[in-house]
Amino acid sequence: MSDHDPLAGGPLMVARARDNAAWAREQLERDVVAWLTTVAPDGRVQSSPISFLHDRADVFFYSQPDTPKLRNLAQSPLVSFHLQSDPFADHWLIVEGTAMPDATIPRLDAHELYQAKYREPHAHWGLDFTETAKDFSVPIRIRPTRVRVG
């Protein structure tokens, strides 16, 4: 397989390459909020809105330390990530996989792609990248194991 072969990049790359995935490809770039579902130690599921980026094969986000989301991931790395569908769910993207902290991801205030994508949302939310990086200091990588797109 070559570097340009989507099968070499895992389930997200394969799903993004499908003919019916144009909506998902566009929304992965444009959407500023997605939903992450984790599993609590008692088995309950917990969904949280997150800001995110993808690097073609994986999805990643930044978390505040010591949150229920991180405590859940410490107990079970299983997650479901999904974008907001269109109004009638004719188009959607669901990524199932595992998530864990990844120190190789640059801080959000040093991540050029993050800053480019979130410049307008940060202004809307009244946030500063440097201050946000202090609060959201734990980078988490989601490694897809299954991706559904429609």
C-alpha atoms as a PDB file:
ATOM      1  CA  MET A   1       0.000   0.000   0.000  1.00  0.00           C
ATOM      2  CA  SER A   2       1.231   3.478  -0.811  1.00  0.00           C
ATOM      3  CA  ASP A   3       1.037   6.623   1.310  1.00  0.00           C
ATOM      4  CA  HIS A   4      -1.893   7.701  -0.882  1.00  0.00           C
ATOM      5  CA  ASP A   5      -3.839   4.481  -0.322  1.00  0.00           C
ATOM      6  CA  PRO A   6      -6.750   5.195   2.071  1.00  0.00           C
ATOM      7  CA  LEU A   7      -6.610   1.606   3.364  1.00  0.00           C
ATOM      8  CA  ALA A   8      -3.172   2.392   4.815  1.00  0.00           C
ATOM      9  CA  GLY A   9      -4.697   5.029   7.112  1.00  0.00           C
ATOM     10  CA  GLY A  10      -7.301   2.938   8.899  1.00  0.00           C
ATOM     11  CA  PRO A  11     -11.093   3.066   9.152  1.00  0.00           C
ATOM     12  CA  LEU A  12     -11.496   6.865   9.072  1.00  0.00           C
ATOM     13  CA  MET A  13      -9.410   7.187   5.915  1.00  0.00           C
ATOM     14  CA  VAL A  14     -11.393   4.369   4.266  1.00  0.00           C
ATOM     15  CA  ALA A  15     -14.738   5.954   5.227  1.00  0.00           C
ATOM     16  CA  ARG A  16     -13.663   9.418   4.067  1.00  0.00           C
ATOM     17  CA  ALA A  17     -12.669   7.991   0.673  1.00  0.00           C
ATOM     18  CA  ARG A  18     -16.147   6.592  -0.051  1.00  0.00           C
ATOM     19  CA  ASP A  19     -18.252   8.235  -2.751  1.00  0.00           C
ATOM     20  CA  ASN A  20     -21.076   8.883  -0.258  1.00  0.00           C
ATOM     21  CA  ALA A  21     -18.764  10.603   2.248  1.00  0.00           C
ATOM     22  CA  ALA A  22     -18.587  14.096   0.726  1.00  0.00           C
ATOM     23  CA  TRP A  23     -20.777  15.505   3.510  1.00  0.00           C
ATOM     24  CA  ALA A  24     -18.634  13.857   6.210  1.00  0.00           C
ATOM     25  CA  ARG A  25     -15.386  15.128   4.666  1.00  0.00           C
ATOM     26  CA  GLU A  26     -16.729  18.675   4.549  1.00  0.00           C
ATOM     27  CA  GLN A  27     -18.170  18.592   8.071  1.00  0.00           C
ATOM     28  CA  LEU A  28     -14.949  17.200   9.579  1.00  0.00           C
ATOM     29  CA  GLU A  29     -13.269  20.342   8.266  1.00  0.00           C
ATOM     30  CA  ARG A  30     -16.037  22.852   9.049  1.00  0.00           C
ATOM     31  CA  ASP A  31     -17.825  21.701  12.209  1.00  0.00           C
ATOM     32  CA  VAL A  32     -16.396  23.233  15.375  1.00  0.00           C
ATOM     33  CA  VAL A  33     -18.319  21.064  17.835  1.00  0.00           C
ATOM     34  CA  ALA A  34     -18.874  17.302  17.872  1.00  0.00           C
ATOM     35  CA  TRP A  35     -20.126  14.832  20.465  1.00  0.00           C
ATOM     36  CA  LEU A  36     -17.963  12.411  22.394  1.00  0.00           C
ATOM     37  CA  THR A  37     -19.483   9.559  24.390  1.00  0.00           C
ATOM     38  CA  THR A  38     -17.438   7.820  27.084  1.00  0.00           C
ATOM     39  CA  VAL A  39     -18.247   5.004  29.512  1.00  0.00           C
ATOM     40  CA  ALA A  40     -18.287   5.793  33.237  1.00  0.00           C
ATOM     41  CA  PRO A  41     -16.869   3.288  35.770  1.00  0.00           C
ATOM     42  CA  ASP A  42     -20.432   2.264  36.722  1.00  0.00           C
ATOM     43  CA  GLY A  43     -21.269   1.514  33.062  1.00  0.00           C
ATOM     44  CA  ARG A  44     -23.312   4.630  32.346  1.00  0.00           C
ATOM     45  CA  VAL A  45     -22.553   6.455  29.120  1.00  0.00           C
ATOM     46  CA  GLN A  46     -21.751  10.151  29.197  1.00  0.00           C
ATOM     47  CA  SER A  47     -21.876  12.422  26.145  1.00  0.00           C
ATOM     48  CA  SER A  48     -20.014  15.719  25.987  1.00  0.00           C
ATOM     49  CA  PRO A  49     -19.659  18.390  23.320  1.00  0.00           C
ATOM     50  CA  ILE A  50     -16.037  18.836  22.251  1.00  0.00           C
ATOM     51  CA  SER A  51     -13.988  20.950  19.876  1.00  0.00           C
ATOM     52  CA  PHE A  52     -11.894  18.708  17.644  1.00  0.00           C
ATOM     53  CA  LEU A  53      -9.504  18.293  14.753  1.00  0.00           C
ATOM     54  CA  HIS A  54      -8.692  15.329  12.587  1.00  0.00           C
ATOM     55  CA  ASP A  55      -5.400  14.404  10.997  1.00  0.00           C
ATOM     56  CA  ARG A  56      -6.902  12.228   8.257  1.00  0.00           C
ATOM     57  CA  ALA A  57      -6.587   8.927  10.174  1.00  0.00           C
ATOM     58  CA  ASP A  58      -7.449   9.978  13.753  1.00  0.00           C
ATOM     59  CA  VAL A  59      -9.503  12.579  15.592  1.00  0.00           C
ATOM     60  CA  PHE A  60      -8.162  14.544  18.523  1.00  0.00           C
ATOM     61  CA  PHE A  61      -9.326  17.112  21.042  1.00  0.00           C
ATOM     62  CA  TYR A  62      -8.131  18.945  24.132  1.00  0.00           C
ATOM     63  CA  SER A  63      -9.585  18.390  27.592  1.00  0.00           C
ATOM     64  CA  GLN A  64      -9.346  20.076  30.921  1.00  0.00           C
ATOM     65  CA  PRO A  65      -7.541  17.907  33.479  1.00  0.00           C
ATOM     66  CA  ASP A  66      -9.541  16.020  36.110  1.00  0.00           C
ATOM     67  CA  THR A  67     -12.865  15.929  34.273  1.00  0.00           C
ATOM     68  CA  PRO A  68     -15.423  13.113  34.312  1.00  0.00           C
ATOM     69  CA  LYS A  69     -14.512  12.509  30.671  1.00  0.00           C
ATOM     70  CA  LEU A  70     -10.852  11.850  31.575  1.00  0.00           C
ATOM     71  CA  ARG A  71     -11.797   9.734  34.587  1.00  0.00           C
ATOM     72  CA  ASN A  72     -14.042   7.691  32.297  1.00  0.00           C
ATOM     73  CA  LEU A  73     -11.230   7.236  29.762  1.00  0.00           C
ATOM     74  CA  ALA A  74      -8.869   6.091  32.522  1.00  0.00           C
ATOM     75  CA  GLN A  75     -11.384   3.348  33.359  1.00  0.00           C
ATOM     76  CA  SER A  76     -12.316   2.479  29.749  1.00  0.00           C
ATOM     77  CA  PRO A  77     -10.811   3.986  26.592  1.00  0.00           C
ATOM     78  CA  LEU A  78     -13.892   3.053  24.521  1.00  0.00           C
ATOM     79  CA  VAL A  79     -15.555   6.073  22.886  1.00  0.00           C
ATOM     80  CA  SER A  80     -18.017   7.095  20.238  1.00  0.00           C
ATOM     81  CA  PHE A  81     -17.501  10.383  18.398  1.00  0.00           C
ATOM     82  CA  HIS A  82     -20.078  11.872  16.092  1.00  0.00           C
ATOM     83  CA  LEU A  83     -20.828  15.026  14.207  1.00  0.00           C
ATOM     84  CA  GLN A  84     -24.168  16.793  14.256  1.00  0.00           C
ATOM     85  CA  SER A  85     -26.149  15.292  11.377  1.00  0.00           C
ATOM     86  CA  ASP A  86     -28.150  17.293   8.889  1.00  0.00           C
ATOM     87  CA  PRO A  87     -31.758  18.053  10.006  1.00  0.00           C
ATOM     88  CA  PHE A  88     -33.172  14.757   8.688  1.00  0.00           C
ATOM     89  CA  ALA A  89     -30.138  12.510   9.358  1.00  0.00           C
ATOM     90  CA  ASP A  90     -29.648  11.955   5.651  1.00  0.00           C
ATOM     91  CA  HIS A  91     -25.936  12.564   6.297  1.00  0.00           C
ATOM     92  CA  TRP A  92     -23.918  11.583   9.365  1.00  0.00           C
ATOM     93  CA  LEU A  93     -20.543  10.402  10.635  1.00  0.00           C
ATOM     94  CA  ILE A  94     -19.977   8.143  13.648  1.00  0.00           C
ATOM     95  CA  VAL A  95     -16.488   7.102  14.752  1.00  0.00           C
ATOM     96  CA  GLU A  96     -16.084   4.345  17.332  1.00  0.00           C
ATOM     97  CA  GLY A  97     -12.694   3.661  18.827  1.00  0.00           C
ATOM     98  CA  THR A  98     -10.376   4.156  21.737  1.00  0.00           C
ATOM     99  CA  ALA A  99      -9.172   7.430  23.196  1.00  0.00           C
ATOM    100  CA  MET A 100      -6.183   8.236  25.342  1.00  0.00           C
ATOM    101  CA  PRO A 101      -3.916  11.161  26.165  1.00  0.00           C
ATOM    102  CA  ASP A 102      -1.270  11.818  23.524  1.00  0.00           C
ATOM    103  CA  ALA A 103       1.661  14.047  24.497  1.00  0.00           C
ATOM    104  CA  THR A 104       2.845  14.170  20.857  1.00  0.00           C
ATOM    105  CA  ILE A 105      -0.028  16.523  19.977  1.00  0.00           C
ATOM    106  CA  PRO A 106       1.139  20.149  20.266  1.00  0.00           C
ATOM    107  CA  ARG A 107      -0.504  22.459  22.792  1.00  0.00           C
ATOM    108  CA  LEU A 108      -3.572  24.068  21.252  1.00  0.00           C
ATOM    109  CA  ASP A 109      -1.968  27.524  21.313  1.00  0.00           C
ATOM    110  CA  ALA A 110       0.961  26.111  19.291  1.00  0.00           C
ATOM    111  CA  HIS A 111      -1.151  24.059  16.887  1.00  0.00           C
ATOM    112  CA  GLU A 112      -1.504  26.075  13.670  1.00  0.00           C
ATOM    113  CA  LEU A 113      -4.374  24.018  12.233  1.00  0.00           C
ATOM    114  CA  TYR A 114      -6.309  24.242  15.500  1.00  0.00           C
ATOM    115  CA  GLN A 115      -5.846  28.007  15.598  1.00  0.00           C
ATOM    116  CA  ALA A 116      -6.899  28.368  11.942  1.00  0.00           C
ATOM    117  CA  LYS A 117     -10.075  26.332  12.482  1.00  0.00           C
ATOM    118  CA  TYR A 118     -10.995  27.881  15.837  1.00  0.00           C
ATOM    119  CA  ARG A 119     -10.019  31.551  15.368  1.00  0.00           C
ATOM    120  CA  GLU A 120     -13.617  32.653  14.722  1.00  0.00           C
ATOM    121  CA  PRO A 121     -15.232  30.350  17.326  1.00  0.00           C
ATOM    122  CA  HIS A 122     -12.728  31.487  19.976  1.00  0.00           C
ATOM    123  CA  ALA A 123     -13.577  35.106  19.204  1.00  0.00           C
ATOM    124  CA  HIS A 124     -17.298  34.272  19.436  1.00  0.00           C
ATOM    125  CA  TRP A 125     -16.791  32.506  22.773  1.00  0.00           C
ATOM    126  CA  GLY A 126     -14.548  35.323  24.071  1.00  0.00           C
ATOM    127  CA  LEU A 127     -11.579  32.966  24.466  1.00  0.00           C
ATOM    128  CA  ASP A 128      -7.853  33.514  24.111  1.00  0.00           C
ATOM    129  CA  PHE A 129      -5.723  30.658  22.743  1.00  0.00           C
ATOM    130  CA  THR A 130      -3.008  31.061  25.388  1.00  0.00           C
ATOM    131  CA  GLU A 131      -5.465  31.030  28.290  1.00  0.00           C
ATOM    132  CA  THR A 132      -7.504  28.214  26.741  1.00  0.00           C
ATOM    133  CA  ALA A 133      -4.329  26.129  26.340  1.00  0.00           C
ATOM    134  CA  LYS A 134      -3.715  26.451  30.081  1.00  0.00           C
ATOM    135  CA  ASP A 135      -7.222  25.205  30.869  1.00  0.00           C
ATOM    136  CA  PHE A 136      -7.477  22.560  28.116  1.00  0.00           C
ATOM    137  CA  SER A 137      -4.025  21.117  28.586  1.00  0.00           C
ATOM    138  CA  VAL A 138      -4.651  17.410  27.988  1.00  0.00           C
ATOM    139  CA  PRO A 139      -4.554  16.383  24.312  1.00  0.00           C
ATOM    140  CA  ILE A 140      -6.569  13.238  23.607  1.00  0.00           C
ATOM    141  CA  ARG A 141      -6.285  11.131  20.446  1.00  0.00           C
ATOM    142  CA  ILE A 142      -9.169   8.984  19.236  1.00  0.00           C
ATOM    143  CA  ARG A 143      -7.987   5.945  17.271  1.00  0.00           C
ATOM    144  CA  PRO A 144     -10.931   4.746  15.160  1.00  0.00           C
ATOM    145  CA  THR A 145     -11.764   1.052  15.136  1.00  0.00           C
ATOM    146  CA  ARG A 146     -15.018   1.425  13.189  1.00  0.00           C
ATOM    147  CA  VAL A 147     -16.448   4.313  11.183  1.00  0.00           C
ATOM    148  CA  ARG A 148     -19.982   4.620   9.883  1.00  0.00           C
ATOM    149  CA  VAL A 149     -20.839   7.287   7.353  1.00  0.00           C
ATOM    150  CA  GLY A 150     -24.040   8.024   5.508  1.00  0.00           C
END
